[in-house]
N, C-alpha and C. Protein backbone atom coordinates (compact mmCIF):
# COMPACT_ATOMS: atom_id res chain seq x y z
N GLY A 1 -126.95 -34.33 12.31
CA GLY A 1 -126.45 -33.85 11.06
C GLY A 1 -127.46 -34.61 9.75
N GLY A 2 -127.01 -34.09 8.61
CA GLY A 2 -127.86 -34.34 7.41
C GLY A 2 -129.11 -33.77 7.10
N GLU A 3 -129.64 -34.04 6.21
CA GLU A 3 -131.11 -33.43 5.97
C GLU A 3 -132.07 -34.21 6.75
N ALA A 4 -133.17 -33.40 7.25
CA ALA A 4 -134.19 -34.37 7.92
C ALA A 4 -135.38 -32.98 7.76
N THR A 5 -136.70 -33.90 7.94
CA THR A 5 -137.77 -33.07 7.57
C THR A 5 -138.01 -31.96 8.92
N GLY A 6 -137.37 -32.46 10.09
CA GLY A 6 -137.66 -31.45 11.19
C GLY A 6 -136.34 -31.09 11.78
N PRO A 7 -136.20 -30.27 12.86
CA PRO A 7 -135.00 -29.33 12.92
C PRO A 7 -134.14 -30.62 13.17
N LYS A 8 -132.46 -29.94 12.94
CA LYS A 8 -131.30 -30.65 13.33
C LYS A 8 -131.14 -30.85 14.89
N THR A 9 -130.82 -31.68 15.32
CA THR A 9 -130.67 -32.06 16.71
C THR A 9 -128.91 -32.29 16.96
N THR A 10 -128.41 -31.82 17.69
CA THR A 10 -127.29 -31.81 18.19
C THR A 10 -127.03 -32.24 19.74
N PHE A 11 -126.20 -33.40 19.74
CA PHE A 11 -126.18 -34.10 20.92
C PHE A 11 -124.83 -33.87 21.41
N ARG A 12 -124.38 -33.67 22.54
CA ARG A 12 -122.81 -33.42 23.26
C ARG A 12 -122.73 -34.49 24.34
N TYR A 13 -121.75 -35.24 24.14
CA TYR A 13 -121.48 -36.21 24.95
C TYR A 13 -119.92 -36.22 25.32
N TYR A 14 -119.85 -36.07 26.74
CA TYR A 14 -118.45 -35.71 27.22
C TYR A 14 -117.62 -37.21 27.66
N GLU A 15 -116.74 -37.41 27.51
CA GLU A 15 -115.70 -38.37 27.90
C GLU A 15 -114.64 -37.59 28.80
N LEU A 16 -114.37 -38.61 29.47
CA LEU A 16 -112.96 -37.82 31.11
C LEU A 16 -111.68 -37.49 30.29
N SER A 17 -111.69 -38.68 29.03
CA SER A 17 -110.36 -38.44 28.51
C SER A 17 -110.53 -38.33 26.82
N GLU A 18 -109.38 -38.22 26.14
CA GLU A 18 -108.97 -38.15 24.85
C GLU A 18 -109.47 -39.60 24.13
N ILE A 19 -110.30 -39.52 22.87
CA ILE A 19 -110.43 -40.84 22.47
C ILE A 19 -109.08 -41.20 21.71
N PRO A 20 -108.57 -42.24 22.25
CA PRO A 20 -106.81 -42.25 21.82
C PRO A 20 -106.93 -42.74 20.24
N THR A 21 -108.04 -43.51 19.82
CA THR A 21 -108.04 -44.06 18.51
C THR A 21 -109.45 -44.59 18.12
N LEU A 22 -109.66 -44.73 16.65
CA LEU A 22 -111.02 -45.15 16.22
C LEU A 22 -110.76 -46.12 15.59
N ASP A 23 -109.52 -46.81 15.77
CA ASP A 23 -109.45 -48.32 14.89
C ASP A 23 -109.73 -49.23 15.68
N PRO A 24 -110.61 -49.69 15.39
CA PRO A 24 -111.33 -51.28 16.05
C PRO A 24 -110.39 -51.94 16.91
N GLN A 25 -109.14 -52.78 15.91
CA GLN A 25 -108.20 -53.60 16.51
C GLN A 25 -107.42 -52.80 17.42
N MET A 26 -107.17 -51.86 17.58
CA MET A 26 -106.34 -50.94 18.07
C MET A 26 -106.71 -50.11 19.66
N ALA A 27 -108.07 -50.57 19.60
CA ALA A 27 -108.82 -49.83 20.47
C ALA A 27 -108.39 -50.12 22.07
N ASN A 28 -108.32 -49.02 22.96
CA ASN A 28 -107.33 -49.51 24.15
C ASN A 28 -107.99 -49.08 25.46
N SER A 29 -109.18 -48.68 25.52
CA SER A 29 -110.27 -47.88 26.27
C SER A 29 -111.71 -47.53 26.05
N VAL A 30 -112.78 -47.23 27.36
CA VAL A 30 -113.88 -47.17 27.03
C VAL A 30 -113.80 -45.97 26.42
N PRO A 31 -113.33 -44.80 26.10
CA PRO A 31 -113.90 -43.97 25.05
C PRO A 31 -113.74 -44.09 23.61
N SER A 32 -112.91 -45.10 23.08
CA SER A 32 -112.44 -45.59 22.16
C SER A 32 -113.49 -46.24 21.64
N ASN A 33 -113.86 -47.48 22.70
CA ASN A 33 -114.92 -48.58 22.36
C ASN A 33 -116.35 -47.83 22.01
N THR A 34 -116.55 -46.91 22.94
CA THR A 34 -118.10 -45.88 22.89
C THR A 34 -117.61 -45.44 22.04
N ALA A 35 -117.03 -44.71 21.05
CA ALA A 35 -117.23 -43.92 19.71
C ALA A 35 -117.04 -45.11 18.48
N ILE A 36 -116.58 -46.08 18.54
CA ILE A 36 -116.53 -46.90 17.66
C ILE A 36 -117.84 -47.75 17.56
N LEU A 37 -118.29 -48.05 18.58
CA LEU A 37 -119.82 -48.55 18.44
C LEU A 37 -120.93 -47.80 18.06
N HIS A 38 -120.36 -46.49 17.83
CA HIS A 38 -121.32 -45.61 17.37
C HIS A 38 -121.28 -45.18 15.66
N ILE A 39 -120.03 -45.72 15.20
CA ILE A 39 -119.70 -45.50 13.69
C ILE A 39 -119.53 -46.44 13.51
N GLN A 40 -119.41 -48.06 13.79
CA GLN A 40 -119.36 -49.00 13.36
C GLN A 40 -120.69 -50.23 13.72
N GLU A 41 -120.84 -51.43 12.90
CA GLU A 41 -121.89 -52.24 13.39
C GLU A 41 -121.37 -53.51 13.68
N PRO A 42 -121.48 -53.92 15.00
CA PRO A 42 -121.12 -55.38 15.26
C PRO A 42 -122.15 -56.34 14.94
N LEU A 43 -121.42 -57.60 15.21
CA LEU A 43 -122.60 -58.27 14.28
C LEU A 43 -123.88 -58.78 15.28
N VAL A 44 -123.78 -58.21 16.77
CA VAL A 44 -124.80 -57.93 17.33
C VAL A 44 -124.84 -56.86 18.18
N ARG A 45 -125.88 -56.67 18.81
CA ARG A 45 -125.34 -55.71 19.96
C ARG A 45 -126.24 -55.79 21.31
N MET A 46 -126.05 -55.26 22.44
CA MET A 46 -126.53 -55.54 23.63
C MET A 46 -127.03 -54.31 23.71
N TYR A 47 -128.41 -54.24 24.19
CA TYR A 47 -129.50 -53.42 24.70
C TYR A 47 -129.79 -53.83 26.44
N ASN A 48 -129.54 -53.40 27.04
CA ASN A 48 -130.05 -53.81 28.42
C ASN A 48 -129.86 -55.03 28.63
N GLY A 49 -128.69 -55.66 28.31
CA GLY A 49 -128.38 -56.86 28.77
C GLY A 49 -129.04 -57.63 28.20
N VAL A 50 -129.78 -57.32 27.10
CA VAL A 50 -130.46 -58.46 25.86
C VAL A 50 -129.71 -58.48 24.25
N ILE A 51 -129.25 -59.22 23.79
CA ILE A 51 -128.68 -59.78 22.62
C ILE A 51 -129.55 -59.05 21.23
N GLU A 52 -129.58 -58.55 20.66
CA GLU A 52 -130.01 -58.03 19.59
C GLU A 52 -129.63 -58.03 18.22
N PRO A 53 -129.97 -58.48 16.98
CA PRO A 53 -129.34 -58.40 15.67
C PRO A 53 -128.78 -57.25 15.22
N GLY A 54 -127.36 -56.98 14.91
CA GLY A 54 -126.79 -55.71 14.25
C GLY A 54 -126.31 -56.48 12.98
N ALA A 55 -125.15 -56.34 12.73
CA ALA A 55 -124.88 -56.71 11.07
C ALA A 55 -125.35 -58.13 10.61
N ALA A 56 -125.46 -58.89 11.65
CA ALA A 56 -125.78 -60.31 11.56
C ALA A 56 -127.36 -60.06 12.09
N GLU A 57 -128.14 -60.49 10.96
CA GLU A 57 -129.76 -60.45 11.19
C GLU A 57 -130.46 -61.73 11.72
N SER A 58 -129.32 -62.71 11.55
CA SER A 58 -129.58 -63.93 12.35
C SER A 58 -128.44 -64.92 12.59
N TRP A 59 -128.30 -66.04 13.23
CA TRP A 59 -127.54 -66.96 13.69
C TRP A 59 -127.88 -68.01 14.07
N GLU A 60 -127.08 -69.31 14.01
CA GLU A 60 -127.32 -70.50 14.28
C GLU A 60 -126.06 -70.91 15.44
N ILE A 61 -126.48 -71.65 16.52
CA ILE A 61 -125.25 -72.05 17.29
C ILE A 61 -125.34 -73.69 17.50
N SER A 62 -124.45 -74.43 17.10
CA SER A 62 -124.18 -75.93 16.86
C SER A 62 -124.49 -76.23 18.19
N GLU A 63 -125.10 -77.68 17.96
CA GLU A 63 -125.64 -78.51 19.50
C GLU A 63 -124.49 -78.48 20.42
N ASP A 64 -123.20 -78.52 19.84
CA ASP A 64 -122.25 -78.88 21.07
C ASP A 64 -121.57 -77.58 21.55
N GLY A 65 -122.29 -76.19 21.05
CA GLY A 65 -121.94 -75.09 21.35
C GLY A 65 -120.52 -74.52 21.08
N LEU A 66 -119.90 -75.02 19.96
CA LEU A 66 -118.54 -74.61 19.41
C LEU A 66 -118.63 -74.00 18.24
N THR A 67 -119.69 -74.06 17.51
CA THR A 67 -119.89 -73.64 16.14
C THR A 67 -120.90 -72.53 15.83
N TYR A 68 -120.49 -70.86 15.98
CA TYR A 68 -121.24 -69.82 15.55
C TYR A 68 -121.43 -69.42 14.01
N THR A 69 -122.64 -69.85 13.54
CA THR A 69 -122.79 -69.39 12.17
C THR A 69 -123.41 -67.91 12.19
N PHE A 70 -123.42 -66.92 11.58
CA PHE A 70 -123.71 -65.81 11.43
C PHE A 70 -123.93 -65.33 10.15
N HIS A 71 -125.45 -64.75 9.99
CA HIS A 71 -125.75 -64.36 8.55
C HIS A 71 -126.12 -62.89 8.57
N LEU A 72 -125.24 -62.05 7.65
CA LEU A 72 -125.30 -61.00 7.51
C LEU A 72 -126.41 -60.35 6.81
N ARG A 73 -126.80 -58.79 7.46
CA ARG A 73 -127.88 -58.55 6.56
C ARG A 73 -127.38 -57.72 5.39
N ASP A 74 -127.74 -57.24 4.15
CA ASP A 74 -127.23 -56.19 3.35
C ASP A 74 -127.11 -54.60 3.86
N MET A 75 -126.11 -54.63 4.10
CA MET A 75 -125.23 -53.16 4.40
C MET A 75 -124.49 -52.68 3.76
N THR A 76 -124.38 -51.47 3.88
CA THR A 76 -123.03 -50.70 2.71
C THR A 76 -122.24 -50.00 3.76
N TRP A 77 -121.18 -50.05 3.49
CA TRP A 77 -120.26 -48.97 3.90
C TRP A 77 -120.43 -47.47 3.36
N SER A 78 -119.79 -46.51 4.05
CA SER A 78 -120.17 -45.09 3.95
C SER A 78 -119.68 -44.61 2.26
N ASP A 79 -118.79 -45.52 1.64
CA ASP A 79 -118.52 -45.34 0.47
C ASP A 79 -119.22 -46.18 -0.55
N GLY A 80 -120.22 -46.76 -0.24
CA GLY A 80 -121.21 -47.23 -0.93
C GLY A 80 -120.85 -49.00 -1.13
N LYS A 81 -119.55 -49.21 -1.13
CA LYS A 81 -119.35 -50.84 -0.74
C LYS A 81 -119.91 -51.49 0.41
N ALA A 82 -120.66 -52.79 -0.39
CA ALA A 82 -121.17 -53.81 0.29
C ALA A 82 -119.96 -54.45 1.44
N VAL A 83 -120.59 -54.17 2.73
CA VAL A 83 -120.22 -54.83 3.98
C VAL A 83 -120.28 -56.57 3.71
N THR A 84 -119.47 -57.15 4.26
CA THR A 84 -119.11 -58.60 3.54
C THR A 84 -118.59 -59.11 4.61
N ALA A 85 -118.93 -60.59 4.47
CA ALA A 85 -118.60 -61.49 5.87
C ALA A 85 -116.81 -61.75 6.02
N GLN A 86 -116.31 -61.31 4.88
CA GLN A 86 -114.83 -61.02 4.45
C GLN A 86 -114.23 -59.88 5.30
N ASP A 87 -115.06 -59.04 5.36
CA ASP A 87 -114.63 -57.77 6.09
C ASP A 87 -114.29 -58.20 7.79
N PHE A 88 -115.33 -58.99 8.07
CA PHE A 88 -115.23 -59.52 9.37
C PHE A 88 -114.11 -60.71 9.86
N GLU A 89 -114.23 -61.44 8.82
CA GLU A 89 -113.06 -62.10 9.31
C GLU A 89 -111.58 -61.62 9.15
N TYR A 90 -111.67 -60.95 8.46
CA TYR A 90 -110.20 -59.89 8.03
C TYR A 90 -110.20 -59.28 9.43
N ALA A 91 -111.19 -58.59 10.19
CA ALA A 91 -111.03 -57.76 11.18
C ALA A 91 -110.47 -58.56 12.68
N ILE A 92 -111.03 -59.93 12.50
CA ILE A 92 -110.54 -60.64 13.83
C ILE A 92 -109.44 -61.46 13.79
N LYS A 93 -109.29 -61.45 12.49
CA LYS A 93 -107.96 -62.03 11.91
C LYS A 93 -106.79 -61.28 12.80
N ARG A 94 -106.84 -59.70 12.45
CA ARG A 94 -106.07 -58.66 12.38
C ARG A 94 -106.03 -58.83 13.87
N LEU A 95 -107.43 -58.84 14.62
CA LEU A 95 -107.05 -58.39 16.12
C LEU A 95 -106.11 -59.72 16.96
N VAL A 96 -105.96 -60.72 16.22
CA VAL A 96 -105.42 -61.62 16.88
C VAL A 96 -103.71 -61.42 16.34
N ASP A 97 -103.46 -61.02 14.92
CA ASP A 97 -102.37 -60.82 14.49
C ASP A 97 -101.30 -60.31 15.25
N PRO A 98 -100.02 -61.35 15.80
CA PRO A 98 -99.00 -60.74 16.31
C PRO A 98 -98.68 -58.92 15.96
N ALA A 99 -98.36 -59.02 14.56
CA ALA A 99 -98.19 -57.54 13.66
C ALA A 99 -99.23 -56.60 14.34
N THR A 100 -100.40 -56.73 14.69
CA THR A 100 -101.29 -55.83 14.96
C THR A 100 -100.65 -55.16 16.12
N ALA A 101 -100.35 -56.11 17.12
CA ALA A 101 -100.12 -56.00 18.68
C ALA A 101 -101.35 -55.27 19.38
N SER A 102 -102.38 -55.66 19.06
CA SER A 102 -103.73 -55.21 19.63
C SER A 102 -103.48 -55.14 21.11
N TYR A 103 -104.25 -54.30 21.92
CA TYR A 103 -104.34 -54.42 23.46
C TYR A 103 -105.54 -55.60 23.66
N TYR A 104 -106.39 -55.49 22.83
CA TYR A 104 -107.29 -56.46 23.06
C TYR A 104 -107.36 -58.00 22.20
N GLY A 105 -106.31 -58.57 21.81
CA GLY A 105 -105.75 -59.47 21.25
C GLY A 105 -106.58 -60.89 21.89
N TRP A 106 -106.34 -60.56 23.13
CA TRP A 106 -106.56 -61.52 24.28
C TRP A 106 -108.25 -61.98 23.99
N PHE A 107 -108.99 -61.06 23.43
CA PHE A 107 -110.54 -61.18 23.70
C PHE A 107 -110.68 -62.26 22.52
N ALA A 108 -109.99 -62.80 21.83
CA ALA A 108 -110.23 -63.77 20.60
C ALA A 108 -109.66 -65.48 21.43
N THR A 109 -109.33 -65.63 22.62
CA THR A 109 -109.07 -66.51 23.64
C THR A 109 -109.83 -67.52 23.39
N TYR A 110 -111.35 -67.08 23.14
CA TYR A 110 -112.56 -67.81 23.32
C TYR A 110 -112.44 -68.92 21.44
N ILE A 111 -111.90 -68.35 20.66
CA ILE A 111 -111.73 -68.80 19.55
C ILE A 111 -110.86 -70.00 18.98
N LYS A 112 -111.29 -70.93 18.50
CA LYS A 112 -110.13 -72.24 18.17
C LYS A 112 -109.16 -71.43 17.34
N ASN A 113 -107.64 -72.01 18.40
CA ASN A 113 -106.50 -71.70 18.13
C ASN A 113 -106.28 -70.22 18.34
N GLY A 114 -107.16 -69.35 18.96
CA GLY A 114 -107.13 -67.77 19.30
C GLY A 114 -105.73 -67.78 19.73
N ASP A 115 -105.47 -68.26 21.11
CA ASP A 115 -104.72 -67.90 21.82
C ASP A 115 -102.77 -68.33 21.08
N GLU A 116 -102.98 -69.45 20.36
CA GLU A 116 -101.68 -69.84 19.55
C GLU A 116 -101.31 -68.90 18.50
N CYS A 117 -102.42 -68.37 17.86
CA CYS A 117 -102.38 -67.40 16.64
C CYS A 117 -101.70 -65.91 17.17
N ASN A 118 -102.42 -65.66 18.29
CA ASN A 118 -102.37 -64.41 18.98
C ASN A 118 -100.52 -64.29 19.71
N ALA A 119 -99.96 -65.54 20.16
CA ALA A 119 -98.55 -65.73 20.64
C ALA A 119 -97.97 -66.13 19.17
N GLY A 120 -98.22 -66.05 17.95
CA GLY A 120 -97.52 -66.21 16.91
C GLY A 120 -96.90 -67.80 17.04
N GLU A 121 -97.53 -68.81 17.27
CA GLU A 121 -97.24 -70.38 17.22
C GLU A 121 -97.94 -70.85 16.10
N LEU A 122 -99.21 -70.07 15.68
CA LEU A 122 -99.86 -70.80 14.65
C LEU A 122 -99.84 -69.54 13.58
N PRO A 123 -100.08 -70.03 12.34
CA PRO A 123 -100.34 -68.95 11.59
C PRO A 123 -101.90 -68.33 11.51
N ILE A 124 -101.87 -67.40 11.13
CA ILE A 124 -103.29 -66.55 11.65
C ILE A 124 -104.20 -67.15 10.60
N ASP A 125 -104.04 -67.96 9.60
CA ASP A 125 -105.12 -68.69 8.83
C ASP A 125 -105.69 -69.84 9.70
N GLU A 126 -104.93 -70.27 10.45
CA GLU A 126 -105.51 -71.34 11.52
C GLU A 126 -106.75 -70.90 12.46
N LEU A 127 -106.75 -69.46 12.50
CA LEU A 127 -107.65 -69.27 13.56
C LEU A 127 -108.83 -69.64 13.04
N GLY A 128 -109.92 -69.96 13.90
CA GLY A 128 -111.28 -70.36 13.74
C GLY A 128 -112.23 -69.41 13.22
N VAL A 129 -111.93 -68.92 12.33
CA VAL A 129 -112.87 -67.88 11.73
C VAL A 129 -113.07 -68.00 10.45
N LYS A 130 -113.78 -68.03 9.50
CA LYS A 130 -114.12 -68.24 8.10
C LYS A 130 -115.34 -67.73 7.53
N ALA A 131 -115.01 -66.79 6.49
CA ALA A 131 -116.25 -66.23 5.59
C ALA A 131 -116.73 -67.50 4.64
N VAL A 132 -117.52 -67.82 4.53
CA VAL A 132 -118.09 -69.23 3.89
C VAL A 132 -118.62 -68.41 2.66
N ASP A 133 -119.08 -67.41 2.53
CA ASP A 133 -119.59 -66.52 0.94
C ASP A 133 -119.50 -65.06 1.50
N ASP A 134 -120.32 -64.48 1.05
CA ASP A 134 -120.22 -62.90 1.20
C ASP A 134 -120.99 -62.56 2.37
N LYS A 135 -122.26 -63.55 2.91
CA LYS A 135 -122.90 -63.15 3.85
C LYS A 135 -122.97 -64.09 4.73
N THR A 136 -122.36 -64.89 4.66
CA THR A 136 -122.08 -66.00 5.78
C THR A 136 -120.52 -66.10 6.79
N LEU A 137 -120.75 -65.82 7.80
CA LEU A 137 -119.44 -65.77 8.66
C LEU A 137 -119.75 -67.07 9.63
N VAL A 138 -118.50 -68.14 9.85
CA VAL A 138 -118.45 -69.00 10.72
C VAL A 138 -117.69 -68.86 11.81
N ILE A 139 -117.63 -69.08 13.37
CA ILE A 139 -116.70 -68.93 14.10
C ILE A 139 -116.74 -70.15 14.96
N GLU A 140 -115.44 -70.91 15.16
CA GLU A 140 -115.57 -72.03 15.72
C GLU A 140 -114.95 -71.57 17.01
N LEU A 141 -115.33 -72.47 18.29
CA LEU A 141 -114.69 -71.80 19.47
C LEU A 141 -113.95 -73.52 20.03
N ARG A 142 -112.71 -72.73 20.78
CA ARG A 142 -111.88 -73.75 21.63
C ARG A 142 -113.15 -74.49 22.59
N LEU A 143 -113.52 -73.76 23.32
CA LEU A 143 -114.42 -73.81 24.53
C LEU A 143 -116.06 -73.61 24.36
N VAL A 144 -116.84 -74.13 25.24
CA VAL A 144 -118.36 -73.49 24.90
C VAL A 144 -118.32 -72.33 26.00
N ALA A 145 -118.77 -71.43 25.23
CA ALA A 145 -118.69 -70.03 25.77
C ALA A 145 -120.07 -69.35 25.72
N ASP A 146 -120.88 -69.60 26.79
CA ASP A 146 -122.63 -69.30 26.49
C ASP A 146 -122.56 -67.44 26.36
N TYR A 147 -121.31 -66.79 26.73
CA TYR A 147 -121.83 -65.62 26.60
C TYR A 147 -120.61 -65.02 25.27
N PHE A 148 -120.65 -65.69 24.48
CA PHE A 148 -119.72 -65.68 23.13
C PHE A 148 -120.21 -64.37 22.12
N LEU A 149 -121.65 -64.43 22.45
CA LEU A 149 -122.42 -63.48 21.54
C LEU A 149 -122.31 -61.83 22.25
N GLN A 150 -122.10 -62.00 23.73
CA GLN A 150 -121.66 -60.77 24.09
C GLN A 150 -120.40 -60.43 23.93
N VAL A 151 -119.25 -61.00 23.80
CA VAL A 151 -118.03 -61.02 23.16
C VAL A 151 -117.75 -60.32 22.17
N VAL A 152 -118.92 -60.91 21.07
CA VAL A 152 -118.63 -60.06 19.66
C VAL A 152 -119.27 -58.95 19.45
N SER A 153 -120.07 -58.36 20.60
CA SER A 153 -120.92 -57.17 20.46
C SER A 153 -119.60 -56.00 20.74
N ASN A 154 -118.26 -56.32 20.99
CA ASN A 154 -117.63 -55.36 21.40
C ASN A 154 -116.91 -54.69 20.40
N ALA A 155 -116.39 -53.49 20.39
CA ALA A 155 -115.98 -52.99 19.38
C ALA A 155 -114.61 -53.53 18.49
N CYS A 156 -113.93 -54.21 19.19
CA CYS A 156 -112.69 -55.03 18.65
C CYS A 156 -112.98 -55.79 17.51
N TYR A 157 -114.66 -56.61 17.33
CA TYR A 157 -114.91 -57.27 16.77
C TYR A 157 -115.81 -56.97 15.29
N VAL A 158 -115.78 -55.69 15.26
CA VAL A 158 -116.28 -55.14 14.21
C VAL A 158 -115.54 -55.35 12.90
N ALA A 159 -116.39 -55.24 11.81
CA ALA A 159 -115.44 -55.13 10.57
C ALA A 159 -114.79 -54.20 10.34
N THR A 160 -113.85 -54.32 9.46
CA THR A 160 -112.95 -53.77 9.04
C THR A 160 -112.14 -53.86 7.54
N ARG A 161 -112.20 -52.86 7.00
CA ARG A 161 -111.83 -52.73 5.72
C ARG A 161 -110.15 -53.14 5.20
N GLN A 162 -109.73 -54.33 5.08
CA GLN A 162 -108.56 -54.41 4.59
C GLN A 162 -107.63 -53.53 3.42
N ASP A 163 -108.48 -53.17 2.62
CA ASP A 163 -107.80 -52.04 1.60
C ASP A 163 -107.53 -50.74 2.40
N LEU A 164 -108.37 -50.28 3.40
CA LEU A 164 -107.84 -49.06 4.06
C LEU A 164 -106.81 -49.18 4.87
N VAL A 165 -106.98 -49.99 5.14
CA VAL A 165 -105.50 -50.55 6.62
C VAL A 165 -104.41 -50.65 5.74
N GLU A 166 -104.34 -51.43 4.76
CA GLU A 166 -103.46 -51.54 3.87
C GLU A 166 -102.78 -49.95 3.35
N GLN A 167 -103.96 -49.43 2.94
CA GLN A 167 -103.39 -48.03 1.98
C GLN A 167 -102.99 -47.36 3.15
N TYR A 168 -103.61 -47.24 4.17
CA TYR A 168 -103.14 -45.91 5.40
C TYR A 168 -102.09 -46.49 6.25
N GLY A 169 -101.78 -47.56 6.37
CA GLY A 169 -100.74 -48.03 7.60
C GLY A 169 -101.27 -47.84 9.24
N GLN A 170 -100.21 -47.15 9.50
CA GLN A 170 -100.88 -46.53 10.98
C GLN A 170 -101.52 -45.48 11.21
N ASP A 171 -101.92 -44.75 9.80
CA ASP A 171 -102.78 -43.71 10.12
C ASP A 171 -104.13 -44.14 9.57
N PHE A 172 -104.26 -45.43 9.35
CA PHE A 172 -105.77 -45.68 9.49
C PHE A 172 -106.71 -45.17 10.57
N ALA A 173 -107.56 -44.34 10.04
CA ALA A 173 -108.63 -44.07 10.97
C ALA A 173 -108.33 -42.98 12.02
N ALA A 174 -107.11 -42.44 11.11
CA ALA A 174 -106.78 -41.41 11.98
C ALA A 174 -107.36 -40.05 11.68
N THR A 175 -107.98 -40.12 10.93
CA THR A 175 -108.94 -38.92 10.40
C THR A 175 -110.39 -39.47 9.51
N ALA A 176 -111.41 -38.67 9.81
CA ALA A 176 -112.60 -38.73 9.02
C ALA A 176 -112.36 -39.63 7.58
N GLU A 177 -111.63 -39.23 6.77
CA GLU A 177 -111.49 -39.36 5.42
C GLU A 177 -110.57 -40.83 5.48
N LYS A 178 -109.96 -41.30 6.65
CA LYS A 178 -109.22 -42.36 6.26
C LYS A 178 -109.68 -43.87 6.91
N ASN A 179 -111.01 -43.70 6.67
CA ASN A 179 -112.02 -44.65 7.51
C ASN A 179 -113.36 -44.64 6.70
N VAL A 180 -114.06 -45.91 6.51
CA VAL A 180 -115.07 -45.75 6.40
C VAL A 180 -116.14 -46.30 7.20
N TYR A 181 -117.77 -46.25 7.31
CA TYR A 181 -118.19 -46.19 8.51
C TYR A 181 -119.50 -47.16 8.06
N ASN A 182 -120.14 -48.02 8.73
CA ASN A 182 -121.08 -48.75 8.52
C ASN A 182 -121.95 -48.79 10.00
N GLY A 183 -121.84 -47.74 10.81
CA GLY A 183 -122.82 -47.85 12.00
C GLY A 183 -123.69 -46.81 11.79
N PRO A 184 -124.84 -46.47 13.08
CA PRO A 184 -125.61 -45.37 12.98
C PRO A 184 -125.11 -43.82 12.46
N PHE A 185 -123.49 -43.84 12.84
CA PHE A 185 -123.45 -42.39 12.62
C PHE A 185 -121.89 -42.74 11.66
N VAL A 186 -121.29 -41.72 11.16
CA VAL A 186 -120.15 -41.26 10.39
C VAL A 186 -119.36 -40.48 11.31
N VAL A 187 -117.75 -40.35 10.93
CA VAL A 187 -117.23 -39.37 11.63
C VAL A 187 -116.90 -38.11 10.61
N LYS A 188 -117.35 -36.97 10.79
CA LYS A 188 -117.38 -35.90 9.87
C LYS A 188 -116.22 -35.03 10.24
N GLU A 189 -115.47 -34.96 11.61
CA GLU A 189 -114.04 -34.65 11.60
C GLU A 189 -113.81 -34.90 13.22
N VAL A 190 -112.46 -35.24 12.92
CA VAL A 190 -111.61 -35.39 14.24
C VAL A 190 -110.61 -34.31 14.41
N LYS A 191 -111.01 -33.62 15.82
CA LYS A 191 -110.16 -32.72 16.25
C LYS A 191 -108.96 -33.04 17.28
N THR A 192 -108.08 -33.50 17.08
CA THR A 192 -107.31 -34.47 18.22
C THR A 192 -106.94 -33.32 19.42
N GLY A 193 -107.32 -34.05 20.89
CA GLY A 193 -107.30 -33.31 21.88
C GLY A 193 -108.32 -32.64 22.04
N ASP A 194 -109.12 -32.62 21.28
CA ASP A 194 -110.47 -31.56 21.40
C ASP A 194 -111.72 -32.53 21.41
N ARG A 195 -112.21 -32.80 20.05
CA ARG A 195 -113.35 -33.56 19.99
C ARG A 195 -113.45 -34.37 18.72
N VAL A 196 -114.43 -35.37 18.69
CA VAL A 196 -114.96 -36.00 17.28
C VAL A 196 -116.04 -35.40 17.14
N ILE A 197 -116.61 -35.20 15.81
CA ILE A 197 -117.85 -34.57 15.71
C ILE A 197 -118.19 -35.97 14.45
N LEU A 198 -119.44 -36.22 14.91
CA LEU A 198 -120.49 -37.39 14.20
C LEU A 198 -121.64 -36.77 13.61
N GLU A 199 -122.01 -37.53 12.76
CA GLU A 199 -123.43 -37.03 11.97
C GLU A 199 -123.85 -38.19 11.51
N LYS A 200 -125.36 -38.01 11.18
CA LYS A 200 -126.04 -39.12 11.40
C LYS A 200 -125.86 -39.78 10.04
N ASN A 201 -125.77 -41.11 9.25
CA ASN A 201 -125.38 -42.07 8.75
C ASN A 201 -126.65 -42.58 7.93
N PRO A 202 -126.96 -41.58 7.05
CA PRO A 202 -128.44 -41.80 6.38
C PRO A 202 -128.44 -43.68 5.54
N ASN A 203 -127.72 -44.16 5.74
CA ASN A 203 -127.26 -45.47 4.51
C ASN A 203 -127.48 -46.55 5.93
N TYR A 204 -127.29 -45.89 7.20
CA TYR A 204 -127.43 -47.18 8.17
C TYR A 204 -128.75 -48.31 8.03
N TRP A 205 -128.67 -49.29 8.31
CA TRP A 205 -129.96 -50.14 7.91
C TRP A 205 -130.87 -50.05 8.97
N ASN A 206 -130.54 -49.46 9.96
CA ASN A 206 -131.51 -48.97 11.09
C ASN A 206 -131.86 -47.55 11.53
N ALA A 207 -131.37 -46.80 10.20
CA ALA A 207 -131.45 -45.46 9.99
C ALA A 207 -132.76 -44.85 10.99
N ASP A 208 -133.78 -45.51 10.40
CA ASP A 208 -135.22 -44.97 11.11
C ASP A 208 -135.24 -44.70 12.35
N GLN A 209 -134.39 -45.65 13.39
CA GLN A 209 -134.40 -45.83 14.91
C GLN A 209 -133.49 -44.88 15.51
N THR A 210 -132.20 -44.04 14.62
CA THR A 210 -131.37 -43.20 15.09
C THR A 210 -131.60 -42.17 15.20
């Protein structure tokens, strides 16, 4: 979709079942995760088993392997607002919040206090995730997990806008206009029981390669 110098191209991708949700922290299936990773940018991406930069242009891992510091690139949401480390902090805390009741809340088991927060035994603010500033996200682990970068490449870890979740509640991401996007594509239309139509995101940081 969108204007281009050459002919427009339409790619049809078939799922064996309907996409249940486009809410990253409520995703519960391969169809949802596949779609979300087309419309939102994770901290890193996996290409043929290789970790490559995504929303994070660089990162450091502490010597003891327990602290990951991600440095975000300049990115914008489809409504023009900047993507911030706070958007990622909110998303990961929302993932483990018992009030969210996420199917993938257990995916934060690697993070300091992840299990305790997910079980409601500790407040969410005790989770080992912190936006130091707008461009720096620090995640503390409870154990060394050499595969943690693969973990954060999953759809449930992508940034989520708190203002929209609070505005739309359970309807968040139910239709195209009830979410914003920072990935290679944006949602043009959701046809329940039929299809989800995406179009190219001209503001995606790597748009020339999509």
